[in-house]
């Protein structure tokens, strides 16, 4: 697992559509539904007539947590849903990454949102860890396809 300034991610092996399907299923196991599914490759081809790698942006929402957050900060909808991306890096190689909700919601400046953001982060990390476990068949979640492991706790 790796992290960037604004997200966490993993590398995955397998056909792109299979990785997308596994990602959607792993999100569902953590209570996330997909509110939007943007096919970036198709959109760029249609709008700009350019070729781009396989790339999907999944708008994931956990309704109970979204409700809790919106109850605290009604304008928070500007930062929802949580984006999860899947893109190809090569033949049979993909990245799955998710927004870091703790970092994302920190811009709001509402300390009451911190527990919700932390719970969402925990669930998204669980999604990524479960995908790593599927990739290598282990119970420890140390995927064969991952870059350096980073502890997000």
Protein backbone atom coordinates (compact mmCIF):
# COMPACT_ATOMS: atom_id res chain seq x y z
CA UNK A 1 0.00 0.00 0.00
CA UNK A 2 1.25 3.49 -0.73
CA UNK A 3 0.00 6.97 -0.03
CA UNK A 4 0.22 10.34 -1.68
CA UNK A 5 -0.53 13.77 -0.28
CA UNK A 6 -4.25 13.18 -0.87
CA UNK A 7 -4.83 9.45 -1.33
CA UNK A 8 -3.95 5.84 -0.64
CA UNK A 9 -3.50 3.12 -3.23
CA UNK A 10 -2.30 -0.29 -4.28
CA UNK A 11 -1.14 -2.01 -7.42
CA UNK A 12 -3.20 -4.90 -8.77
CA UNK A 13 -2.66 -7.55 -11.40
CA UNK A 14 -5.41 -8.65 -13.73
CA UNK A 15 -7.60 -7.47 -16.57
CA UNK A 16 -8.83 -3.92 -16.05
CA UNK A 17 -12.55 -4.76 -15.95
CA UNK A 18 -11.92 -7.56 -13.45
CA UNK A 19 -10.04 -5.15 -11.17
CA UNK A 20 -12.93 -2.65 -11.43
CA UNK A 21 -15.43 -5.39 -10.55
CA UNK A 22 -13.38 -6.59 -7.57
CA UNK A 23 -13.05 -2.98 -6.38
CA UNK A 24 -16.81 -2.35 -6.55
CA UNK A 25 -17.44 -5.62 -4.67
CA UNK A 26 -14.87 -4.76 -1.98
CA UNK A 27 -16.44 -1.32 -1.56
CA UNK A 28 -19.88 -2.91 -1.17
CA UNK A 29 -18.54 -5.18 1.58
CA UNK A 30 -17.66 -2.01 3.52
CA UNK A 31 -21.07 -0.42 2.94
CA UNK A 32 -20.19 1.78 -0.04
CA UNK A 33 -22.44 2.12 -3.04
CA UNK A 34 -21.33 3.58 -6.36
CA UNK A 35 -23.13 6.85 -7.10
CA UNK A 36 -21.14 7.63 -10.23
CA UNK A 37 -18.86 5.73 -12.57
CA UNK A 38 -16.90 7.94 -14.95
CA UNK A 39 -15.13 6.27 -17.85
CA UNK A 40 -12.32 8.78 -18.41
CA UNK A 41 -10.95 6.99 -21.48
CA UNK A 42 -14.32 7.04 -23.26
CA UNK A 43 -15.04 10.62 -22.22
CA UNK A 44 -11.69 11.92 -23.47
CA UNK A 45 -12.11 10.03 -26.74
CA UNK A 46 -15.60 11.46 -27.26
CA UNK A 47 -14.85 15.03 -26.21
CA UNK A 48 -11.25 15.47 -27.42
CA UNK A 49 -10.71 12.55 -29.80
CA UNK A 50 -7.60 11.53 -27.84
CA UNK A 51 -6.53 8.10 -26.69
CA UNK A 52 -5.97 7.58 -22.98
CA UNK A 53 -5.33 4.57 -20.78
CA UNK A 54 -8.22 2.67 -19.18
CA UNK A 55 -9.22 4.91 -16.28
CA UNK A 56 -12.38 4.93 -14.17
CA UNK A 57 -13.45 7.26 -11.37
CA UNK A 58 -15.91 5.61 -9.00
CA UNK A 59 -17.94 7.92 -6.76
CA UNK A 60 -18.31 5.80 -3.61
CA UNK A 61 -20.74 6.62 -0.81
CA UNK A 62 -21.36 5.00 2.56
CA UNK A 63 -24.89 6.32 3.32
CA UNK A 64 -24.78 6.19 7.15
CA UNK A 65 -21.43 7.97 7.26
CA UNK A 66 -22.45 10.47 4.59
CA UNK A 67 -25.61 11.26 6.57
CA UNK A 68 -23.60 11.72 9.76
CA UNK A 69 -21.15 14.05 8.00
CA UNK A 70 -23.86 16.06 6.24
CA UNK A 71 -25.68 16.47 9.56
CA UNK A 72 -22.53 18.10 10.95
CA UNK A 73 -21.77 20.20 7.86
CA UNK A 74 -24.54 20.63 5.30
CA UNK A 75 -22.23 22.10 2.62
CA UNK A 76 -20.01 19.03 2.85
CA UNK A 77 -21.77 17.69 -0.22
CA UNK A 78 -19.26 19.76 -2.17
CA UNK A 79 -16.62 17.19 -1.16
CA UNK A 80 -18.71 14.04 -1.65
CA UNK A 81 -18.73 11.27 -2.75
CA UNK A 82 -15.38 9.66 -1.99
CA UNK A 83 -13.54 9.10 -5.26
CA UNK A 84 -11.91 5.76 -5.90
CA UNK A 85 -9.89 5.41 -9.09
CA UNK A 86 -8.87 2.38 -11.10
CA UNK A 87 -6.45 2.77 -13.98
CA UNK A 88 -4.16 0.66 -16.13
CA UNK A 89 -0.41 1.06 -15.84
CA UNK A 90 0.38 -1.68 -18.34
CA UNK A 91 -1.01 -4.90 -19.75
CA UNK A 92 -2.62 -6.68 -16.81
CA UNK A 93 -1.35 -4.08 -14.33
CA UNK A 94 -3.62 -1.60 -12.57
CA UNK A 95 -3.68 0.87 -9.72
CA UNK A 96 -6.61 1.19 -7.32
CA UNK A 97 -6.52 4.32 -5.18
CA UNK A 98 -8.89 6.20 -2.89
CA UNK A 99 -9.10 9.71 -1.59
CA UNK A 100 -7.73 10.24 1.91
CA UNK A 101 -10.90 11.52 3.61
CA UNK A 102 -9.01 12.77 6.67
CA UNK A 103 -6.91 15.06 4.46
CA UNK A 104 -9.90 15.96 2.27
CA UNK A 105 -12.18 16.91 5.15
CA UNK A 106 -9.45 18.79 7.00
CA UNK A 107 -10.05 21.76 4.72
CA UNK A 108 -13.50 22.18 6.26
CA UNK A 109 -12.07 23.07 9.67
CA UNK A 110 -14.82 21.30 11.64
CA UNK A 111 -13.35 19.09 14.37
CA UNK A 112 -16.69 17.26 14.70
CA UNK A 113 -16.05 15.70 11.28
CA UNK A 114 -12.74 14.12 12.31
CA UNK A 115 -14.26 10.87 13.70
CA UNK A 116 -16.36 10.41 10.56
CA UNK A 117 -13.38 11.06 8.31
CA UNK A 118 -11.30 8.59 10.30
CA UNK A 119 -14.02 5.92 10.02
CA UNK A 120 -14.25 6.42 6.25
CA UNK A 121 -10.43 6.24 5.99
CA UNK A 122 -10.46 2.99 7.95
CA UNK A 123 -13.11 1.48 5.66
CA UNK A 124 -11.33 2.55 2.48
CA UNK A 125 -8.06 1.14 3.79
CA UNK A 126 -9.90 -2.12 4.52
CA UNK A 127 -11.13 -2.16 0.91
CA UNK A 128 -7.60 -1.79 -0.41
CA UNK A 129 -6.21 -4.36 2.02
CA UNK A 130 -8.88 -6.87 0.98
CA UNK A 131 -7.94 -6.35 -2.68
CA UNK A 132 -4.30 -7.01 -1.81
CA UNK A 133 -5.32 -10.23 -0.07
CA UNK A 134 -7.24 -11.37 -3.14
CA UNK A 135 -4.21 -10.57 -5.30
CA UNK A 136 -1.86 -12.85 -3.39
CA UNK A 137 -4.22 -15.21 -1.59
CA UNK A 138 -2.80 -14.33 1.84
CA UNK A 139 -4.64 -13.50 5.01
CA UNK A 140 -2.09 -10.88 5.99
CA UNK A 141 -2.79 -8.52 3.11
CA UNK A 142 0.80 -8.22 1.89
CA UNK A 143 0.04 -8.30 -1.82
CA UNK A 144 2.61 -9.54 -4.30
CA UNK A 145 1.80 -6.58 -6.48
CA UNK A 146 2.18 -3.78 -3.98
CA UNK A 147 4.83 -1.14 -3.70
CA UNK A 148 6.42 -0.33 -0.37
CA UNK A 149 4.02 -0.83 2.50
CA UNK A 150 3.01 2.30 4.39
CA UNK A 151 1.20 2.30 7.72
CA UNK A 152 -1.60 4.86 7.56
CA UNK A 153 -2.59 4.56 11.21
